[in-house]
N, C-alpha and C. Protein backbone atom coordinates (compact mmCIF):
# COMPACT_ATOMS: atom_id res chain seq x y z
N MET A 1 -73.24 -34.74 -15.13
CA MET A 1 -72.70 -35.76 -15.66
C MET A 1 -71.40 -36.34 -14.83
N ASN A 2 -70.59 -35.27 -14.22
CA ASN A 2 -69.38 -35.47 -13.53
C ASN A 2 -69.76 -36.44 -12.31
N SER A 3 -71.12 -36.17 -11.85
CA SER A 3 -71.34 -36.87 -10.58
C SER A 3 -71.66 -38.56 -10.93
N ILE A 4 -72.21 -38.78 -11.97
CA ILE A 4 -72.53 -40.14 -12.57
C ILE A 4 -71.10 -40.58 -12.64
N ARG A 5 -70.28 -40.08 -13.18
CA ARG A 5 -68.82 -40.70 -13.30
C ARG A 5 -68.18 -41.07 -11.66
N ASN A 6 -68.47 -40.24 -10.97
CA ASN A 6 -67.88 -40.49 -9.66
C ASN A 6 -68.58 -41.52 -8.93
N ILE A 7 -69.93 -41.80 -8.99
CA ILE A 7 -70.70 -42.83 -8.62
C ILE A 7 -70.33 -44.26 -9.32
N LYS A 8 -70.16 -44.33 -10.35
CA LYS A 8 -69.72 -45.52 -11.17
C LYS A 8 -68.16 -45.69 -10.50
N LEU A 9 -67.25 -44.97 -10.65
CA LEU A 9 -66.01 -45.15 -9.93
C LEU A 9 -66.05 -45.75 -8.65
N ARG A 10 -66.95 -45.24 -7.73
CA ARG A 10 -66.92 -45.47 -6.33
C ARG A 10 -67.35 -46.80 -6.23
N TRP A 11 -68.31 -47.35 -7.26
CA TRP A 11 -69.00 -48.56 -7.22
C TRP A 11 -67.99 -49.63 -7.79
N LEU A 12 -67.57 -49.11 -8.72
CA LEU A 12 -66.50 -50.25 -9.31
C LEU A 12 -65.36 -50.57 -8.28
N HIS A 13 -64.78 -49.49 -7.53
CA HIS A 13 -63.71 -49.66 -6.69
C HIS A 13 -64.27 -50.41 -5.45
N GLY A 14 -65.23 -50.07 -5.06
CA GLY A 14 -65.82 -51.03 -3.87
C GLY A 14 -66.10 -52.50 -4.18
N THR A 15 -66.39 -52.70 -5.27
CA THR A 15 -66.80 -54.01 -5.78
C THR A 15 -65.69 -54.70 -5.94
N LEU A 16 -64.45 -54.23 -6.73
CA LEU A 16 -63.39 -54.91 -6.84
C LEU A 16 -62.73 -55.15 -5.43
N GLY A 17 -62.57 -54.00 -4.45
CA GLY A 17 -62.30 -54.31 -3.13
C GLY A 17 -62.82 -55.33 -2.32
N ASP A 18 -64.24 -55.72 -2.33
CA ASP A 18 -64.89 -56.59 -1.87
C ASP A 18 -64.45 -58.08 -2.36
N VAL A 19 -64.32 -58.16 -3.54
CA VAL A 19 -63.75 -59.46 -4.20
C VAL A 19 -62.35 -59.83 -3.78
N SER A 20 -61.61 -58.90 -3.83
CA SER A 20 -60.30 -59.07 -3.36
C SER A 20 -60.02 -59.36 -1.82
N TYR A 21 -60.87 -58.64 -1.06
CA TYR A 21 -60.99 -58.80 0.42
C TYR A 21 -61.48 -60.28 0.68
N GLN A 22 -62.59 -60.79 0.19
CA GLN A 22 -63.20 -61.86 0.32
C GLN A 22 -61.99 -63.10 -0.08
N LEU A 23 -61.43 -62.93 -0.83
CA LEU A 23 -60.36 -63.95 -1.46
C LEU A 23 -59.22 -64.11 -0.36
N SER A 24 -58.93 -62.84 0.30
CA SER A 24 -57.73 -62.71 1.10
C SER A 24 -58.13 -62.95 2.37
N ARG A 25 -59.53 -63.11 2.92
CA ARG A 25 -59.69 -63.87 4.22
C ARG A 25 -60.20 -65.05 4.31
N VAL A 26 -60.10 -65.88 3.33
CA VAL A 26 -60.67 -67.36 3.35
C VAL A 26 -59.61 -67.95 4.51
N GLN A 27 -60.46 -68.56 5.51
CA GLN A 27 -59.68 -69.36 6.45
C GLN A 27 -60.55 -70.48 7.19
N PHE A 28 -59.65 -71.38 7.32
CA PHE A 28 -60.37 -72.59 7.66
C PHE A 28 -60.03 -72.96 9.26
N SER A 29 -59.64 -72.10 10.07
CA SER A 29 -59.16 -72.19 11.60
C SER A 29 -59.84 -70.96 12.26
N ARG A 30 -59.89 -71.17 13.56
CA ARG A 30 -60.32 -70.34 14.57
C ARG A 30 -59.28 -69.13 14.80
N VAL A 31 -58.40 -69.15 14.06
CA VAL A 31 -57.38 -67.85 14.12
C VAL A 31 -58.40 -66.50 13.45
N ALA A 32 -58.27 -65.63 14.56
CA ALA A 32 -58.99 -64.37 14.17
C ALA A 32 -58.05 -63.61 12.95
N PRO A 33 -58.95 -63.17 12.14
CA PRO A 33 -58.23 -62.28 10.98
C PRO A 33 -57.80 -60.98 11.44
N ALA A 34 -57.04 -60.20 10.64
CA ALA A 34 -56.60 -58.94 11.00
C ALA A 34 -57.61 -57.82 11.41
N LYS A 35 -57.59 -56.83 11.93
CA LYS A 35 -58.98 -56.02 12.23
C LYS A 35 -59.72 -55.66 11.20
N TRP A 36 -60.91 -55.59 11.36
CA TRP A 36 -61.98 -55.22 10.24
C TRP A 36 -62.70 -54.08 10.76
N GLN A 37 -63.40 -53.56 9.56
CA GLN A 37 -64.07 -52.00 9.90
C GLN A 37 -65.66 -52.57 9.85
N PRO A 38 -66.41 -52.21 10.81
CA PRO A 38 -67.69 -52.39 10.63
C PRO A 38 -68.38 -51.12 9.90
N ALA A 39 -69.57 -51.53 9.07
CA ALA A 39 -70.14 -50.78 8.23
C ALA A 39 -70.76 -49.55 9.23
N ILE A 40 -70.64 -48.31 8.44
CA ILE A 40 -71.51 -47.21 9.47
C ILE A 40 -72.28 -46.32 8.13
N ASN A 41 -73.32 -45.80 8.99
CA ASN A 41 -74.06 -44.77 8.20
C ASN A 41 -73.92 -43.35 8.74
N ALA A 42 -73.29 -42.25 8.32
CA ALA A 42 -73.15 -40.93 8.95
C ALA A 42 -73.69 -40.17 8.48
N PHE A 43 -74.51 -38.99 9.42
CA PHE A 43 -75.35 -37.97 8.92
C PHE A 43 -74.98 -36.80 9.83
N ARG A 44 -74.68 -35.78 8.96
CA ARG A 44 -74.74 -34.25 9.73
C ARG A 44 -76.14 -33.81 9.59
N CYS A 45 -76.74 -33.62 10.67
CA CYS A 45 -78.07 -32.95 11.00
C CYS A 45 -77.87 -31.46 11.42
N GLU A 46 -78.87 -30.93 11.55
CA GLU A 46 -78.89 -29.34 12.04
C GLU A 46 -78.04 -29.14 13.30
N THR A 47 -78.20 -30.03 14.34
CA THR A 47 -77.57 -29.60 15.72
C THR A 47 -76.81 -30.70 16.13
N ALA A 48 -76.72 -32.00 15.38
CA ALA A 48 -75.81 -33.05 15.86
C ALA A 48 -75.21 -33.97 14.60
N ILE A 49 -74.33 -34.57 14.78
CA ILE A 49 -73.78 -35.68 13.98
C ILE A 49 -74.41 -36.98 14.55
N ARG A 50 -74.84 -37.52 13.60
CA ARG A 50 -75.33 -39.00 13.91
C ARG A 50 -74.67 -40.09 13.30
N ILE A 51 -74.21 -41.28 13.89
CA ILE A 51 -73.55 -42.39 13.31
C ILE A 51 -74.19 -43.53 13.74
N CYS A 52 -74.53 -44.29 12.77
CA CYS A 52 -75.06 -45.69 13.24
C CYS A 52 -73.90 -46.44 12.32
N VAL A 53 -73.76 -47.73 13.51
CA VAL A 53 -72.48 -48.56 13.17
C VAL A 53 -73.21 -49.90 13.43
N ASP A 54 -72.79 -50.77 12.24
CA ASP A 54 -73.29 -52.11 12.34
C ASP A 54 -72.36 -52.86 13.17
N LEU A 55 -72.91 -53.35 14.36
CA LEU A 55 -72.30 -54.22 15.08
C LEU A 55 -73.00 -55.32 15.70
N ALA A 56 -73.76 -56.17 14.80
CA ALA A 56 -74.71 -57.26 15.32
C ALA A 56 -73.84 -58.18 16.03
N GLY A 57 -74.46 -58.81 16.96
CA GLY A 57 -73.73 -59.91 17.79
C GLY A 57 -72.53 -59.27 18.85
N ILE A 58 -72.41 -58.15 18.80
CA ILE A 58 -71.60 -57.79 19.86
C ILE A 58 -71.97 -57.09 21.09
N GLU A 59 -71.46 -57.75 22.12
CA GLU A 59 -71.92 -56.95 23.39
C GLU A 59 -71.46 -55.84 23.60
N LYS A 60 -72.53 -54.97 24.47
CA LYS A 60 -72.06 -53.55 24.82
C LYS A 60 -70.74 -53.80 25.53
N SER A 61 -70.43 -54.52 26.28
CA SER A 61 -69.29 -54.65 27.08
C SER A 61 -67.82 -54.85 26.23
N LYS A 62 -68.20 -55.21 25.04
CA LYS A 62 -66.88 -55.35 24.04
C LYS A 62 -66.56 -54.22 23.31
N ILE A 63 -67.43 -53.01 23.26
CA ILE A 63 -67.30 -51.89 22.43
C ILE A 63 -66.71 -50.92 23.35
N ASP A 64 -65.58 -50.10 22.67
CA ASP A 64 -64.89 -49.02 23.41
C ASP A 64 -65.27 -47.99 22.10
N LEU A 65 -65.53 -47.03 22.75
CA LEU A 65 -66.13 -45.81 22.15
C LEU A 65 -65.46 -44.63 22.52
N THR A 66 -64.76 -43.85 21.72
CA THR A 66 -63.87 -42.81 21.97
C THR A 66 -64.33 -41.55 21.30
N VAL A 67 -64.70 -40.28 21.60
CA VAL A 67 -65.09 -39.50 20.85
C VAL A 67 -64.28 -38.15 21.48
N GLU A 68 -63.72 -37.60 20.39
CA GLU A 68 -62.84 -36.47 20.23
C GLU A 68 -63.59 -35.53 19.47
N PRO A 69 -63.06 -34.07 19.70
CA PRO A 69 -63.76 -32.98 18.78
C PRO A 69 -63.98 -33.15 17.58
N ARG A 70 -63.23 -33.80 16.78
CA ARG A 70 -63.12 -33.74 15.40
C ARG A 70 -63.10 -35.40 14.83
N GLN A 71 -63.21 -36.25 15.82
CA GLN A 71 -63.10 -37.67 15.54
C GLN A 71 -63.64 -38.61 16.25
N VAL A 72 -64.24 -39.71 15.94
CA VAL A 72 -64.85 -40.76 16.77
C VAL A 72 -64.14 -42.08 16.37
N ILE A 73 -63.59 -42.95 17.44
CA ILE A 73 -63.04 -44.23 17.29
C ILE A 73 -63.94 -45.25 18.11
N ILE A 74 -64.26 -46.20 17.04
CA ILE A 74 -64.76 -47.25 17.76
C ILE A 74 -64.17 -48.65 17.73
N ARG A 75 -63.92 -49.36 18.75
CA ARG A 75 -62.93 -50.49 18.91
C ARG A 75 -63.84 -51.78 19.62
N GLY A 76 -63.22 -52.74 19.43
CA GLY A 76 -63.86 -53.95 20.19
C GLY A 76 -63.53 -55.19 19.38
N THR A 77 -64.23 -56.45 19.76
CA THR A 77 -63.92 -57.74 19.27
C THR A 77 -65.29 -58.45 19.23
N ARG A 78 -65.47 -59.31 17.98
CA ARG A 78 -66.68 -59.83 17.87
C ARG A 78 -66.19 -61.23 17.98
N GLU A 79 -66.81 -62.20 18.59
CA GLU A 79 -66.38 -63.70 18.87
C GLU A 79 -66.65 -64.22 17.29
N VAL A 80 -66.13 -65.35 17.13
CA VAL A 80 -66.56 -65.95 15.92
C VAL A 80 -67.81 -66.64 16.10
N PRO A 81 -68.94 -66.27 15.14
CA PRO A 81 -70.04 -66.95 15.24
C PRO A 81 -70.33 -68.33 14.73
N GLU A 82 -70.46 -69.23 15.72
CA GLU A 82 -70.29 -70.77 15.18
C GLU A 82 -71.74 -71.49 16.01
N PRO A 83 -72.03 -72.68 15.38
CA PRO A 83 -73.31 -73.36 16.04
C PRO A 83 -72.63 -73.87 17.42
N ASN A 84 -73.50 -73.74 18.54
CA ASN A 84 -73.29 -74.27 19.79
C ASN A 84 -74.64 -74.53 20.48
N HIS A 85 -75.41 -75.14 19.79
CA HIS A 85 -76.85 -75.04 20.53
C HIS A 85 -77.18 -76.66 20.21
N GLY A 86 -76.35 -77.92 20.34
CA GLY A 86 -76.55 -79.15 20.49
C GLY A 86 -76.72 -79.72 18.97
N GLU A 87 -76.32 -79.01 17.98
CA GLU A 87 -76.16 -79.60 16.69
C GLU A 87 -75.01 -80.43 16.57
N GLY A 88 -74.05 -80.72 17.47
CA GLY A 88 -72.98 -81.23 17.06
C GLY A 88 -71.84 -80.44 16.61
N ARG A 89 -70.70 -81.00 16.45
CA ARG A 89 -69.61 -80.05 16.01
C ARG A 89 -69.70 -79.93 14.48
N ALA A 90 -69.29 -78.93 13.87
CA ALA A 90 -69.31 -78.38 12.67
C ALA A 90 -68.30 -79.44 11.86
N LEU A 91 -69.07 -80.07 10.75
CA LEU A 91 -68.17 -80.99 10.02
C LEU A 91 -67.52 -80.37 8.76
N GLN A 92 -68.20 -79.39 8.00
CA GLN A 92 -67.80 -78.84 6.83
C GLN A 92 -68.10 -77.42 7.00
N LEU A 93 -67.27 -76.39 6.52
CA LEU A 93 -67.65 -74.85 6.43
C LEU A 93 -68.09 -74.68 5.21
N LEU A 94 -69.27 -74.19 5.01
CA LEU A 94 -70.01 -73.85 4.02
C LEU A 94 -69.69 -72.45 3.35
N ALA A 95 -69.79 -71.73 4.27
CA ALA A 95 -69.47 -70.23 4.15
C ALA A 95 -69.15 -69.49 5.33
N LEU A 96 -68.21 -68.29 5.10
CA LEU A 96 -67.63 -67.74 6.37
C LEU A 96 -67.52 -66.10 6.08
N GLU A 97 -68.55 -65.44 6.03
CA GLU A 97 -68.66 -64.27 5.45
C GLU A 97 -68.65 -63.14 6.55
N ILE A 98 -69.16 -63.57 7.76
CA ILE A 98 -69.26 -62.73 8.91
C ILE A 98 -67.94 -62.46 9.55
N ASP A 99 -67.46 -60.72 9.45
CA ASP A 99 -66.25 -60.78 9.90
C ASP A 99 -66.24 -61.02 11.46
N TYR A 100 -65.06 -61.35 12.40
CA TYR A 100 -64.94 -61.61 13.77
C TYR A 100 -63.67 -61.23 14.08
N GLY A 101 -63.46 -61.21 15.36
CA GLY A 101 -62.05 -60.85 15.81
C GLY A 101 -62.04 -59.31 16.18
N PRO A 102 -60.95 -58.87 16.23
CA PRO A 102 -60.86 -57.36 16.79
C PRO A 102 -61.27 -56.30 15.32
N PHE A 103 -62.27 -55.37 15.90
CA PHE A 103 -62.27 -54.31 14.83
C PHE A 103 -61.96 -52.97 15.45
N GLU A 104 -62.04 -52.08 14.47
CA GLU A 104 -61.55 -50.71 14.76
C GLU A 104 -62.30 -49.88 13.49
N ARG A 105 -62.82 -48.52 13.77
CA ARG A 105 -63.19 -48.04 12.76
C ARG A 105 -63.10 -46.36 13.31
N GLU A 106 -62.27 -45.62 12.45
CA GLU A 106 -62.23 -44.18 12.98
C GLU A 106 -62.96 -43.45 11.96
N VAL A 107 -63.56 -42.34 12.48
CA VAL A 107 -64.74 -41.46 11.64
C VAL A 107 -64.04 -40.02 11.74
N SER A 108 -63.60 -39.28 10.70
CA SER A 108 -63.27 -38.01 10.87
C SER A 108 -64.52 -37.17 10.79
N LEU A 109 -64.54 -36.09 11.61
CA LEU A 109 -66.00 -35.36 11.78
C LEU A 109 -65.77 -34.00 10.85
N PRO A 110 -66.79 -33.69 10.02
CA PRO A 110 -66.66 -32.46 9.41
C PRO A 110 -66.55 -31.04 10.02
N ALA A 111 -67.29 -31.41 11.39
CA ALA A 111 -67.27 -30.08 12.26
C ALA A 111 -66.90 -30.51 13.74
N GLU A 112 -66.64 -29.69 14.61
CA GLU A 112 -66.25 -29.86 15.98
C GLU A 112 -67.66 -30.28 16.73
N VAL A 113 -67.47 -31.24 17.63
CA VAL A 113 -68.53 -31.82 18.28
C VAL A 113 -68.39 -31.55 19.76
N ASP A 114 -69.43 -31.61 20.61
CA ASP A 114 -69.14 -31.32 22.13
C ASP A 114 -69.14 -32.77 22.69
N ALA A 115 -67.62 -33.36 22.85
CA ALA A 115 -67.50 -34.71 23.34
C ALA A 115 -68.26 -34.84 24.71
N ASP A 116 -68.39 -33.95 25.65
CA ASP A 116 -68.93 -34.08 26.84
C ASP A 116 -70.41 -34.44 26.84
N ARG A 117 -70.97 -34.03 25.94
CA ARG A 117 -72.44 -34.13 25.75
C ARG A 117 -72.81 -35.61 24.84
N ALA A 118 -71.83 -36.07 24.15
CA ALA A 118 -72.05 -37.27 23.45
C ALA A 118 -72.67 -38.58 24.12
N SER A 119 -73.42 -39.22 23.16
CA SER A 119 -74.23 -40.51 23.82
C SER A 119 -74.13 -41.62 22.77
N ALA A 120 -74.50 -42.72 23.18
CA ALA A 120 -74.74 -43.78 22.36
C ALA A 120 -75.73 -44.92 22.98
N GLU A 121 -76.31 -45.41 22.22
CA GLU A 121 -77.29 -46.50 22.28
C GLU A 121 -77.29 -47.37 21.55
N GLN A 122 -77.27 -48.89 21.82
CA GLN A 122 -77.37 -49.94 21.09
C GLN A 122 -78.90 -50.59 21.05
N GLU A 123 -79.18 -50.66 19.75
CA GLU A 123 -80.63 -51.51 19.62
C GLU A 123 -80.54 -52.21 18.19
N ASN A 124 -81.12 -53.48 18.17
CA ASN A 124 -81.18 -54.24 17.21
C ASN A 124 -79.79 -54.67 16.41
N GLY A 125 -78.54 -54.56 17.09
CA GLY A 125 -77.50 -54.81 16.32
C GLY A 125 -76.76 -53.65 15.82
N LEU A 126 -77.20 -52.16 16.22
CA LEU A 126 -77.03 -51.10 15.49
C LEU A 126 -76.62 -50.17 16.88
N LEU A 127 -75.37 -49.59 16.76
CA LEU A 127 -74.88 -48.69 17.82
C LEU A 127 -75.23 -47.32 17.03
N TRP A 128 -76.17 -46.48 17.79
CA TRP A 128 -76.57 -45.16 17.13
C TRP A 128 -75.74 -44.24 18.25
N ILE A 129 -74.59 -43.43 17.48
CA ILE A 129 -73.87 -42.44 18.39
C ILE A 129 -74.62 -41.18 17.97
N TYR A 130 -74.68 -40.31 19.00
CA TYR A 130 -75.30 -39.07 19.08
C TYR A 130 -73.96 -38.13 19.47
N LEU A 131 -73.70 -37.00 18.61
CA LEU A 131 -72.68 -36.20 18.64
C LEU A 131 -73.11 -34.61 18.51
N PRO A 132 -73.45 -34.06 19.56
CA PRO A 132 -74.27 -32.76 19.41
C PRO A 132 -73.03 -31.82 18.87
N LEU A 133 -73.47 -31.10 17.82
CA LEU A 133 -72.29 -29.95 17.35
C LEU A 133 -72.03 -28.93 18.27
N LYS A 134 -70.65 -28.84 18.49
CA LYS A 134 -70.23 -27.52 19.32
C LYS A 134 -70.79 -26.07 18.79
N LYS A 135 -71.24 -25.21 19.74
CA LYS A 135 -71.88 -24.01 19.30
C LYS A 135 -70.69 -23.03 19.54
């Protein structure tokens, strides 16, 4: 029963946070908002920690990945996605929900990793980080 209460509290907190965040970031100019945090999925496996970061639309050259023994830091910038294929200029903003501008995400790790053997690959807008556990 305790775990159900925790799930409901986390869901409620996330929902309220999302609503207030959406309201606070309404903008009608190309001025980038404050740093945003990309969504992640993180897994502790038998021999490694795997982190999947949602970075759709961001070139590899715009991603800075720092791996430390107990922490990973992902930084970069996403340009504002807007029409530019001959549709003409945008006349009206209908929705602006995709975060853009500088981003940063710090992930604390539950175990020490071997930073020298860490690797990352980008596939279909997802950055997969491989962090082998230190023996």
